[in-house]
Amino acid sequence: MMSQHGLYIPNLTSEEEAILKALPAFKIYDKFNNTGDTSKYNGSCETVSPNIREFKNLCTKFLHNIKNLPDYNHDRGNHNMYSKYLYYWIFHEINKISIANPNKINPSDVNSFLIIGNTWYSDLYHAPFIKEFNFDFDELKEQKYLYDYFKNFNALNEITCPHIKSRAYYKYVDFINKFYTKKIQEKQCCIWNFNCKPYFDCNDKYNPQYLFYKLKCGPQVDTLRWKQRHLTLRLYREGNGNDNEHHATLETDEYGNPLNSLSFSRILEGISSTSKYGSSTRKSKLLKE
């Protein structure tokens, strides 16, 4: 199911999972996860709370990965790209640990954790690593899906049918299409929502339906049937469509995503937390003065 990378793709075989893990974005996340010995960062992470081993280990990995980003002054393009990967990676990993330890990690814990990373990054580049917080982990998860998809696109697009990778890629693109469609129709990412720009590319060549046709490798009638069911309306993308047509509604259960993932939202300099167990507001300073 590729749950390690947050992809809950139904009916994915172990062989297909191995194929997807070799895509460019997931190879970078594997590098973030497999850092080797990071004990030299233990001192910087000793204040991490609660005292959960995985949470403290994640802190040392985070600092290691910040330290090993491409140097901004000499390789700005790769620095910015890897920083974006690291941004989505750290929130994904925090959410995984939060789900595995329900009711133990609260918003102020996450804030304090990220301040440690921001302090390290600021010492290197005189700026915070995370400038604006969005602690809605479900939203961040969807953004990560799409950011990864656009980075994986060239690898997905270069194969021709029949190909040993086509079935795995087909399942991946079919999974991504749900979120691609949602962002266009519900978030109107390609009309006026500039907040989508960091993770979404509106160039038509990236539309999953085109890749789907290429990867389907089946009878044309099946392709047309899929097109009728999943097509993202071009008219709607241009602001002329009917928002009741082909409305994409995300049902978390359908994709097998955890139901109890945290949902945090930043309010001014504090954080508000909501969950299935109730809601609370905790305020703390984002960055050390």
C-alpha atoms as a PDB file:
ATOM      1  CA  MET A   1       0.000   0.000   0.000  1.00  0.00           C
ATOM      2  CA  MET A   2       3.062   2.305   0.095  1.00  0.00           C
ATOM      3  CA  SER A   3       1.956   3.470   3.553  1.00  0.00           C
ATOM      4  CA  GLN A   4       5.585   4.340   4.336  1.00  0.00           C
ATOM      5  CA  HIS A   5       5.209   7.260   1.942  1.00  0.00           C
ATOM      6  CA  GLY A   6       1.583   8.002   2.837  1.00  0.00           C
ATOM      7  CA  LEU A   7       0.148   6.385  -0.290  1.00  0.00           C
ATOM      8  CA  TYR A   8      -2.790   4.130   0.512  1.00  0.00           C
ATOM      9  CA  ILE A   9      -3.297   2.584  -2.919  1.00  0.00           C
ATOM     10  CA  PRO A  10      -5.679  -0.394  -2.883  1.00  0.00           C
ATOM     11  CA  ASN A  11      -4.589  -3.751  -4.311  1.00  0.00           C
ATOM     12  CA  LEU A  12      -0.956  -2.788  -4.791  1.00  0.00           C
ATOM     13  CA  THR A  13       1.259  -5.867  -5.053  1.00  0.00           C
ATOM     14  CA  SER A  14       4.697  -6.037  -3.458  1.00  0.00           C
ATOM     15  CA  GLU A  15       6.278  -5.958  -6.929  1.00  0.00           C
ATOM     16  CA  GLU A  16       4.290  -2.847  -7.860  1.00  0.00           C
ATOM     17  CA  GLU A  17       5.203  -1.201  -4.560  1.00  0.00           C
ATOM     18  CA  ALA A  18       8.884  -1.800  -5.306  1.00  0.00           C
ATOM     19  CA  ILE A  19       8.434  -0.154  -8.716  1.00  0.00           C
ATOM     20  CA  LEU A  20       6.802   2.933  -7.191  1.00  0.00           C
ATOM     21  CA  LYS A  21       9.461   3.229  -4.488  1.00  0.00           C
ATOM     22  CA  ALA A  22      12.003   3.749  -7.280  1.00  0.00           C
ATOM     23  CA  LEU A  23      10.253   6.927  -8.468  1.00  0.00           C
ATOM     24  CA  PRO A  24      12.351  10.081  -7.909  1.00  0.00           C
ATOM     25  CA  ALA A  25      10.326  11.636  -5.075  1.00  0.00           C
ATOM     26  CA  PHE A  26      10.165   8.458  -3.017  1.00  0.00           C
ATOM     27  CA  LYS A  27      13.899   7.843  -3.385  1.00  0.00           C
ATOM     28  CA  ILE A  28      14.475  11.245  -1.791  1.00  0.00           C
ATOM     29  CA  TYR A  29      12.162  10.413   1.113  1.00  0.00           C
ATOM     30  CA  ASP A  30      13.982   7.113   1.587  1.00  0.00           C
ATOM     31  CA  LYS A  31      17.214   9.085   1.846  1.00  0.00           C
ATOM     32  CA  PHE A  32      15.627  11.322   4.503  1.00  0.00           C
ATOM     33  CA  ASN A  33      14.535   8.228   6.440  1.00  0.00           C
ATOM     34  CA  ASN A  34      17.800   6.301   6.154  1.00  0.00           C
ATOM     35  CA  THR A  35      20.232   8.766   7.660  1.00  0.00           C
ATOM     36  CA  GLY A  36      22.443   6.342   9.557  1.00  0.00           C
ATOM     37  CA  ASP A  37      23.784   7.379  12.954  1.00  0.00           C
ATOM     38  CA  THR A  38      22.360  10.751  14.023  1.00  0.00           C
ATOM     39  CA  SER A  39      23.337  10.553  17.698  1.00  0.00           C
ATOM     40  CA  LYS A  40      25.450  13.707  17.435  1.00  0.00           C
ATOM     41  CA  TYR A  41      22.168  15.637  17.351  1.00  0.00           C
ATOM     42  CA  ASN A  42      20.836  14.069  20.577  1.00  0.00           C
ATOM     43  CA  GLY A  43      21.801  17.080  22.666  1.00  0.00           C
ATOM     44  CA  SER A  44      19.820  19.456  20.472  1.00  0.00           C
ATOM     45  CA  CYS A  45      16.769  17.195  20.689  1.00  0.00           C
ATOM     46  CA  GLU A  46      16.819  16.392  24.407  1.00  0.00           C
ATOM     47  CA  THR A  47      14.049  18.927  25.113  1.00  0.00           C
ATOM     48  CA  VAL A  48      11.654  17.220  22.678  1.00  0.00           C
ATOM     49  CA  SER A  49       8.432  16.303  24.453  1.00  0.00           C
ATOM     50  CA  PRO A  50       6.691  13.960  24.997  1.00  0.00           C
ATOM     51  CA  ASN A  51       9.478  11.470  25.651  1.00  0.00           C
ATOM     52  CA  ILE A  52       8.587   9.128  22.791  1.00  0.00           C
ATOM     53  CA  ARG A  53      11.603   7.385  21.280  1.00  0.00           C
ATOM     54  CA  GLU A  54      10.358   7.682  17.692  1.00  0.00           C
ATOM     55  CA  PHE A  55       9.657  11.393  18.182  1.00  0.00           C
ATOM     56  CA  LYS A  56      13.159  12.094  19.503  1.00  0.00           C
ATOM     57  CA  ASN A  57      14.714   9.975  16.745  1.00  0.00           C
ATOM     58  CA  LEU A  58      12.731  11.943  14.182  1.00  0.00           C
ATOM     59  CA  CYS A  59      14.134  15.165  15.624  1.00  0.00           C
ATOM     60  CA  THR A  60      17.729  14.007  15.113  1.00  0.00           C
ATOM     61  CA  LYS A  61      16.918  12.885  11.558  1.00  0.00           C
ATOM     62  CA  PHE A  62      15.304  16.251  10.879  1.00  0.00           C
ATOM     63  CA  LEU A  63      18.414  18.125  12.007  1.00  0.00           C
ATOM     64  CA  HIS A  64      20.670  15.792  10.011  1.00  0.00           C
ATOM     65  CA  ASN A  65      18.600  16.379   6.881  1.00  0.00           C
ATOM     66  CA  ILE A  66      18.585  20.151   7.392  1.00  0.00           C
ATOM     67  CA  LYS A  67      22.364  20.111   7.795  1.00  0.00           C
ATOM     68  CA  ASN A  68      22.751  18.069   4.587  1.00  0.00           C
ATOM     69  CA  LEU A  69      20.508  20.124   2.312  1.00  0.00           C
ATOM     70  CA  PRO A  70      22.262  21.394  -0.832  1.00  0.00           C
ATOM     71  CA  ASP A  71      23.935  24.681   0.041  1.00  0.00           C
ATOM     72  CA  TYR A  72      21.624  27.594  -0.714  1.00  0.00           C
ATOM     73  CA  ASN A  73      24.444  29.912  -1.717  1.00  0.00           C
ATOM     74  CA  HIS A  74      25.938  27.521  -4.282  1.00  0.00           C
ATOM     75  CA  ASP A  75      22.976  25.415  -5.470  1.00  0.00           C
ATOM     76  CA  ARG A  76      19.826  27.434  -4.848  1.00  0.00           C
ATOM     77  CA  GLY A  77      17.566  25.436  -7.167  1.00  0.00           C
ATOM     78  CA  ASN A  78      18.273  22.069  -5.560  1.00  0.00           C
ATOM     79  CA  HIS A  79      18.242  23.630  -2.105  1.00  0.00           C
ATOM     80  CA  ASN A  80      14.711  24.924  -2.637  1.00  0.00           C
ATOM     81  CA  MET A  81      13.527  21.649  -4.152  1.00  0.00           C
ATOM     82  CA  TYR A  82      14.949  19.455  -1.382  1.00  0.00           C
ATOM     83  CA  SER A  83      13.667  21.884   1.249  1.00  0.00           C
ATOM     84  CA  LYS A  84      10.142  21.425  -0.097  1.00  0.00           C
ATOM     85  CA  TYR A  85      10.540  17.656   0.028  1.00  0.00           C
ATOM     86  CA  LEU A  86      11.831  17.963   3.590  1.00  0.00           C
ATOM     87  CA  TYR A  87       8.889  20.192   4.524  1.00  0.00           C
ATOM     88  CA  TYR A  88       6.355  17.565   3.445  1.00  0.00           C
ATOM     89  CA  TRP A  89       8.456  14.724   4.828  1.00  0.00           C
ATOM     90  CA  ILE A  90       8.665  16.137   8.356  1.00  0.00           C
ATOM     91  CA  PHE A  91       4.935  16.806   8.631  1.00  0.00           C
ATOM     92  CA  HIS A  92       4.165  13.351   7.256  1.00  0.00           C
ATOM     93  CA  GLU A  93       6.498  11.693   9.766  1.00  0.00           C
ATOM     94  CA  ILE A  94       5.120  13.724  12.685  1.00  0.00           C
ATOM     95  CA  ASN A  95       1.601  12.735  11.700  1.00  0.00           C
ATOM     96  CA  LYS A  96       2.557   9.047  11.531  1.00  0.00           C
ATOM     97  CA  ILE A  97       3.964   9.177  15.053  1.00  0.00           C
ATOM     98  CA  SER A  98       0.919  11.110  16.292  1.00  0.00           C
ATOM     99  CA  ILE A  99      -1.417   8.460  14.900  1.00  0.00           C
ATOM    100  CA  ALA A 100       0.635   5.678  16.490  1.00  0.00           C
ATOM    101  CA  ASN A 101       0.548   7.514  19.849  1.00  0.00           C
ATOM    102  CA  PRO A 102      -2.998   8.938  20.141  1.00  0.00           C
ATOM    103  CA  ASN A 103      -3.555  11.783  22.621  1.00  0.00           C
ATOM    104  CA  LYS A 104       0.145  11.983  23.506  1.00  0.00           C
ATOM    105  CA  ILE A 105       1.419  14.668  21.123  1.00  0.00           C
ATOM    106  CA  ASN A 106      -0.304  18.047  21.199  1.00  0.00           C
ATOM    107  CA  PRO A 107       0.121  21.170  19.047  1.00  0.00           C
ATOM    108  CA  SER A 108       2.535  22.876  21.439  1.00  0.00           C
ATOM    109  CA  ASP A 109       4.758  19.766  21.291  1.00  0.00           C
ATOM    110  CA  VAL A 110       4.829  19.995  17.504  1.00  0.00           C
ATOM    111  CA  ASN A 111       5.525  23.716  17.669  1.00  0.00           C
ATOM    112  CA  SER A 112       8.476  23.197  20.034  1.00  0.00           C
ATOM    113  CA  PHE A 113       9.774  20.381  17.827  1.00  0.00           C
ATOM    114  CA  LEU A 114       9.725  22.573  14.735  1.00  0.00           C
ATOM    115  CA  ILE A 115      11.369  25.483  16.558  1.00  0.00           C
ATOM    116  CA  ILE A 116      14.407  23.230  17.045  1.00  0.00           C
ATOM    117  CA  GLY A 117      14.578  22.666  13.285  1.00  0.00           C
ATOM    118  CA  ASN A 118      14.005  26.347  12.557  1.00  0.00           C
ATOM    119  CA  THR A 119      16.817  27.303  14.918  1.00  0.00           C
ATOM    120  CA  TRP A 120      19.257  24.976  13.143  1.00  0.00           C
ATOM    121  CA  TYR A 121      18.228  26.211   9.719  1.00  0.00           C
ATOM    122  CA  SER A 122      18.407  29.847  10.849  1.00  0.00           C
ATOM    123  CA  ASP A 123      21.957  29.344  12.091  1.00  0.00           C
ATOM    124  CA  LEU A 124      22.906  28.147   8.609  1.00  0.00           C
ATOM    125  CA  TYR A 125      20.861  30.453   6.385  1.00  0.00           C
ATOM    126  CA  HIS A 126      19.630  33.283   8.647  1.00  0.00           C
ATOM    127  CA  ALA A 127      15.973  32.463   7.966  1.00  0.00           C
ATOM    128  CA  PRO A 128      13.431  30.025   9.416  1.00  0.00           C
ATOM    129  CA  PHE A 129      12.969  26.707   7.632  1.00  0.00           C
ATOM    130  CA  ILE A 130       9.195  26.760   8.107  1.00  0.00           C
ATOM    131  CA  LYS A 131       7.932  30.307   7.611  1.00  0.00           C
ATOM    132  CA  GLU A 132       4.187  29.673   7.782  1.00  0.00           C
ATOM    133  CA  PHE A 133       2.622  26.720   9.516  1.00  0.00           C
ATOM    134  CA  ASN A 134      -0.359  24.792   8.227  1.00  0.00           C
ATOM    135  CA  PHE A 135      -1.035  22.027  10.703  1.00  0.00           C
ATOM    136  CA  ASP A 136      -3.967  20.554   8.824  1.00  0.00           C
ATOM    137  CA  PHE A 137      -2.266  17.223   8.253  1.00  0.00           C
ATOM    138  CA  ASP A 138      -4.952  15.945   5.896  1.00  0.00           C
ATOM    139  CA  GLU A 139      -4.465  18.996   3.671  1.00  0.00           C
ATOM    140  CA  LEU A 140      -0.680  18.650   3.871  1.00  0.00           C
ATOM    141  CA  LYS A 141      -0.978  14.992   2.945  1.00  0.00           C
ATOM    142  CA  GLU A 142      -2.898  15.879  -0.218  1.00  0.00           C
ATOM    143  CA  GLN A 143      -0.386  18.590  -1.072  1.00  0.00           C
ATOM    144  CA  LYS A 144       2.413  16.066  -0.647  1.00  0.00           C
ATOM    145  CA  TYR A 145       0.663  13.600  -2.963  1.00  0.00           C
ATOM    146  CA  LEU A 146       0.503  16.235  -5.683  1.00  0.00           C
ATOM    147  CA  TYR A 147       3.960  17.735  -5.179  1.00  0.00           C
ATOM    148  CA  ASP A 148       5.414  14.234  -5.444  1.00  0.00           C
ATOM    149  CA  TYR A 149       3.320  13.470  -8.527  1.00  0.00           C
ATOM    150  CA  PHE A 150       4.606  16.504 -10.434  1.00  0.00           C
ATOM    151  CA  LYS A 151       8.180  15.591  -9.503  1.00  0.00           C
ATOM    152  CA  ASN A 152       7.569  11.986 -10.581  1.00  0.00           C
ATOM    153  CA  PHE A 153       5.838  12.961 -13.823  1.00  0.00           C
ATOM    154  CA  ASN A 154       8.789  12.685 -16.203  1.00  0.00           C
ATOM    155  CA  ALA A 155       9.576   9.172 -14.994  1.00  0.00           C
ATOM    156  CA  LEU A 156       5.920   8.183 -15.364  1.00  0.00           C
ATOM    157  CA  ASN A 157       5.694   9.702 -18.824  1.00  0.00           C
ATOM    158  CA  GLU A 158       8.821   8.181 -20.327  1.00  0.00           C
ATOM    159  CA  ILE A 159       7.603   4.588 -20.545  1.00  0.00           C
ATOM    160  CA  THR A 160       5.630   3.109 -23.433  1.00  0.00           C
ATOM    161  CA  CYS A 161       3.130   0.250 -23.358  1.00  0.00           C
ATOM    162  CA  PRO A 162       3.485  -2.595 -22.909  1.00  0.00           C
ATOM    163  CA  HIS A 163       5.948  -2.123 -20.046  1.00  0.00           C
ATOM    164  CA  ILE A 164       6.675  -3.958 -16.827  1.00  0.00           C
ATOM    165  CA  LYS A 165       6.040  -0.738 -14.865  1.00  0.00           C
ATOM    166  CA  SER A 166       2.819   0.333 -16.582  1.00  0.00           C
ATOM    167  CA  ARG A 167       0.395  -1.416 -14.195  1.00  0.00           C
ATOM    168  CA  ALA A 168       2.027   0.026 -11.064  1.00  0.00           C
ATOM    169  CA  TYR A 169       2.185   3.500 -12.602  1.00  0.00           C
ATOM    170  CA  TYR A 170      -1.437   3.194 -13.713  1.00  0.00           C
ATOM    171  CA  LYS A 171      -2.594   2.494 -10.150  1.00  0.00           C
ATOM    172  CA  TYR A 172      -0.541   5.397  -8.829  1.00  0.00           C
ATOM    173  CA  VAL A 173      -1.881   7.870 -11.407  1.00  0.00           C
ATOM    174  CA  ASP A 174      -5.454   6.693 -10.838  1.00  0.00           C
ATOM    175  CA  PHE A 175      -4.969   7.315  -7.104  1.00  0.00           C
ATOM    176  CA  ILE A 176      -3.476  10.785  -7.675  1.00  0.00           C
ATOM    177  CA  ASN A 177      -6.253  11.804 -10.067  1.00  0.00           C
ATOM    178  CA  LYS A 178      -8.755  11.964  -7.191  1.00  0.00           C
ATOM    179  CA  PHE A 179      -6.724  14.633  -5.455  1.00  0.00           C
ATOM    180  CA  TYR A 180      -5.783  16.447  -8.651  1.00  0.00           C
ATOM    181  CA  THR A 181      -9.471  16.723  -9.540  1.00  0.00           C
ATOM    182  CA  LYS A 182     -10.390  17.834  -6.037  1.00  0.00           C
ATOM    183  CA  LYS A 183      -7.852  20.672  -6.042  1.00  0.00           C
ATOM    184  CA  ILE A 184      -9.091  21.946  -9.385  1.00  0.00           C
ATOM    185  CA  GLN A 185     -12.803  21.693  -8.684  1.00  0.00           C
ATOM    186  CA  GLU A 186     -13.054  22.384  -4.961  1.00  0.00           C
ATOM    187  CA  LYS A 187      -9.974  24.528  -4.326  1.00  0.00           C
ATOM    188  CA  GLN A 188     -10.096  26.099  -7.815  1.00  0.00           C
ATOM    189  CA  CYS A 189      -6.323  25.896  -7.972  1.00  0.00           C
ATOM    190  CA  CYS A 190      -6.163  26.816 -11.648  1.00  0.00           C
ATOM    191  CA  ILE A 191      -8.549  29.768 -11.529  1.00  0.00           C
ATOM    192  CA  TRP A 192      -7.568  32.178  -8.767  1.00  0.00           C
ATOM    193  CA  ASN A 193      -6.227  30.221  -5.797  1.00  0.00           C
ATOM    194  CA  PHE A 194      -2.553  31.211  -5.716  1.00  0.00           C
ATOM    195  CA  ASN A 195      -2.042  29.276  -2.476  1.00  0.00           C
ATOM    196  CA  CYS A 196      -1.801  26.132  -4.624  1.00  0.00           C
ATOM    197  CA  LYS A 197       1.255  27.346  -6.527  1.00  0.00           C
ATOM    198  CA  PRO A 198       3.936  25.799  -4.252  1.00  0.00           C
ATOM    199  CA  TYR A 199       2.657  22.266  -4.871  1.00  0.00           C
ATOM    200  CA  PHE A 200       0.428  22.420  -7.987  1.00  0.00           C
ATOM    201  CA  ASP A 201       1.240  22.916 -11.678  1.00  0.00           C
ATOM    202  CA  CYS A 202      -1.678  23.886 -13.917  1.00  0.00           C
ATOM    203  CA  ASN A 203       0.070  23.050 -17.185  1.00  0.00           C
ATOM    204  CA  ASP A 204      -2.301  20.703 -19.037  1.00  0.00           C
ATOM    205  CA  LYS A 205       0.505  18.284 -19.823  1.00  0.00           C
ATOM    206  CA  TYR A 206       0.458  17.152 -16.175  1.00  0.00           C
ATOM    207  CA  ASN A 207      -3.224  16.211 -16.209  1.00  0.00           C
ATOM    208  CA  PRO A 208      -3.344  12.605 -14.915  1.00  0.00           C
ATOM    209  CA  GLN A 209      -5.938  11.623 -17.516  1.00  0.00           C
ATOM    210  CA  TYR A 210      -3.336  11.890 -20.279  1.00  0.00           C
ATOM    211  CA  LEU A 211      -0.941   9.620 -18.426  1.00  0.00           C
ATOM    212  CA  PHE A 212      -3.789   7.298 -17.637  1.00  0.00           C
ATOM    213  CA  TYR A 213      -4.534   6.801 -21.324  1.00  0.00           C
ATOM    214  CA  LYS A 214      -0.872   6.038 -21.922  1.00  0.00           C
ATOM    215  CA  LEU A 215      -0.531   3.593 -19.024  1.00  0.00           C
ATOM    216  CA  LYS A 216      -3.866   1.829 -19.383  1.00  0.00           C
ATOM    217  CA  CYS A 217      -2.563  -0.386 -22.187  1.00  0.00           C
ATOM    218  CA  GLY A 218      -6.054  -1.782 -22.644  1.00  0.00           C
ATOM    219  CA  PRO A 219      -9.012  -1.636 -25.041  1.00  0.00           C
ATOM    220  CA  GLN A 220     -10.031   1.846 -26.130  1.00  0.00           C
ATOM    221  CA  VAL A 221     -13.539   1.293 -24.744  1.00  0.00           C
ATOM    222  CA  ASP A 222     -12.081   0.997 -21.226  1.00  0.00           C
ATOM    223  CA  THR A 223     -10.187   4.237 -21.704  1.00  0.00           C
ATOM    224  CA  LEU A 224     -13.333   6.044 -22.820  1.00  0.00           C
ATOM    225  CA  ARG A 225     -15.269   4.630 -19.869  1.00  0.00           C
ATOM    226  CA  TRP A 226     -12.615   5.919 -17.483  1.00  0.00           C
ATOM    227  CA  LYS A 227     -12.646   9.298 -19.214  1.00  0.00           C
ATOM    228  CA  GLN A 228     -16.393   9.643 -18.646  1.00  0.00           C
ATOM    229  CA  ARG A 229     -16.018   8.705 -14.986  1.00  0.00           C
ATOM    230  CA  HIS A 230     -12.931  10.720 -13.996  1.00  0.00           C
ATOM    231  CA  LEU A 231     -12.520  13.491 -16.542  1.00  0.00           C
ATOM    232  CA  THR A 232     -11.519  16.833 -15.095  1.00  0.00           C
ATOM    233  CA  LEU A 233     -13.621  19.326 -17.023  1.00  0.00           C
ATOM    234  CA  ARG A 234     -11.524  21.785 -19.008  1.00  0.00           C
ATOM    235  CA  LEU A 235     -14.404  24.237 -19.028  1.00  0.00           C
ATOM    236  CA  TYR A 236     -14.538  24.141 -15.262  1.00  0.00           C
ATOM    237  CA  ARG A 237     -10.801  24.756 -15.060  1.00  0.00           C
ATOM    238  CA  GLU A 238     -11.324  27.893 -17.117  1.00  0.00           C
ATOM    239  CA  GLY A 239     -14.067  29.058 -14.779  1.00  0.00           C
ATOM    240  CA  ASN A 240     -16.955  28.294 -17.137  1.00  0.00           C
ATOM    241  CA  GLY A 241     -18.030  24.909 -15.882  1.00  0.00           C
ATOM    242  CA  ASN A 242     -20.786  23.696 -13.639  1.00  0.00           C
ATOM    243  CA  ASP A 243     -19.426  22.962 -10.211  1.00  0.00           C
ATOM    244  CA  ASN A 244     -22.058  20.278  -9.717  1.00  0.00           C
ATOM    245  CA  GLU A 245     -20.682  18.188 -12.558  1.00  0.00           C
ATOM    246  CA  HIS A 246     -18.082  15.522 -11.795  1.00  0.00           C
ATOM    247  CA  HIS A 247     -17.763  16.936  -8.285  1.00  0.00           C
ATOM    248  CA  ALA A 248     -14.865  15.214  -6.557  1.00  0.00           C
ATOM    249  CA  THR A 249     -15.644  14.395  -2.929  1.00  0.00           C
ATOM    250  CA  LEU A 250     -12.809  12.973  -0.903  1.00  0.00           C
ATOM    251  CA  GLU A 251     -13.882  10.125   1.363  1.00  0.00           C
ATOM    252  CA  THR A 252     -10.967   9.245   3.530  1.00  0.00           C
ATOM    253  CA  ASP A 253     -12.267   5.770   4.285  1.00  0.00           C
ATOM    254  CA  GLU A 254     -12.342   4.921   0.579  1.00  0.00           C
ATOM    255  CA  TYR A 255      -8.585   5.336   0.327  1.00  0.00           C
ATOM    256  CA  GLY A 256      -7.829   3.632   3.617  1.00  0.00           C
ATOM    257  CA  ASN A 257      -6.290   6.703   5.214  1.00  0.00           C
ATOM    258  CA  PRO A 258      -6.182   6.885   9.027  1.00  0.00           C
ATOM    259  CA  LEU A 259      -9.256   8.545  10.470  1.00  0.00           C
ATOM    260  CA  ASN A 260      -7.586   9.990  13.533  1.00  0.00           C
ATOM    261  CA  SER A 261      -4.845  12.073  11.957  1.00  0.00           C
ATOM    262  CA  LEU A 262      -4.309  15.402  13.673  1.00  0.00           C
ATOM    263  CA  SER A 263      -5.738  18.593  12.263  1.00  0.00           C
ATOM    264  CA  PHE A 264      -3.934  21.748  13.358  1.00  0.00           C
ATOM    265  CA  SER A 265      -4.358  25.293  12.082  1.00  0.00           C
ATOM    266  CA  ARG A 266      -2.135  28.236  12.820  1.00  0.00           C
ATOM    267  CA  ILE A 267      -3.891  31.237  14.364  1.00  0.00           C
ATOM    268  CA  LEU A 268      -1.684  34.326  14.404  1.00  0.00           C
ATOM    269  CA  GLU A 269       1.277  33.312  16.569  1.00  0.00           C
ATOM    270  CA  GLY A 270      -0.488  30.410  18.239  1.00  0.00           C
ATOM    271  CA  ILE A 271      -1.964  27.134  17.162  1.00  0.00           C
ATOM    272  CA  SER A 272      -5.459  25.730  17.328  1.00  0.00           C
ATOM    273  CA  SER A 273      -5.965  21.982  17.564  1.00  0.00           C
ATOM    274  CA  THR A 274      -9.061  20.036  16.614  1.00  0.00           C
ATOM    275  CA  SER A 275      -9.589  16.304  16.668  1.00  0.00           C
ATOM    276  CA  LYS A 276     -12.283  13.638  16.980  1.00  0.00           C
ATOM    277  CA  TYR A 277     -11.802  13.855  20.746  1.00  0.00           C
ATOM    278  CA  GLY A 278     -12.736  17.543  20.933  1.00  0.00           C
ATOM    279  CA  SER A 279     -10.963  20.821  20.363  1.00  0.00           C
ATOM    280  CA  SER A 280      -8.633  23.087  22.244  1.00  0.00           C
ATOM    281  CA  THR A 281      -6.594  26.164  21.550  1.00  0.00           C
ATOM    282  CA  ARG A 282      -3.003  26.326  22.611  1.00  0.00           C
ATOM    283  CA  LYS A 283      -0.892  29.368  21.909  1.00  0.00           C
ATOM    284  CA  SER A 284       2.829  29.481  21.851  1.00  0.00           C
ATOM    285  CA  LYS A 285       5.464  31.533  20.140  1.00  0.00           C
ATOM    286  CA  LEU A 286       6.411  30.260  16.677  1.00  0.00           C
ATOM    287  CA  LEU A 287      10.027  31.330  16.748  1.00  0.00           C
ATOM    288  CA  LYS A 288      12.390  32.268  19.510  1.00  0.00           C
ATOM    289  CA  GLU A 289      12.972  35.962  19.646  1.00  0.00           C
END
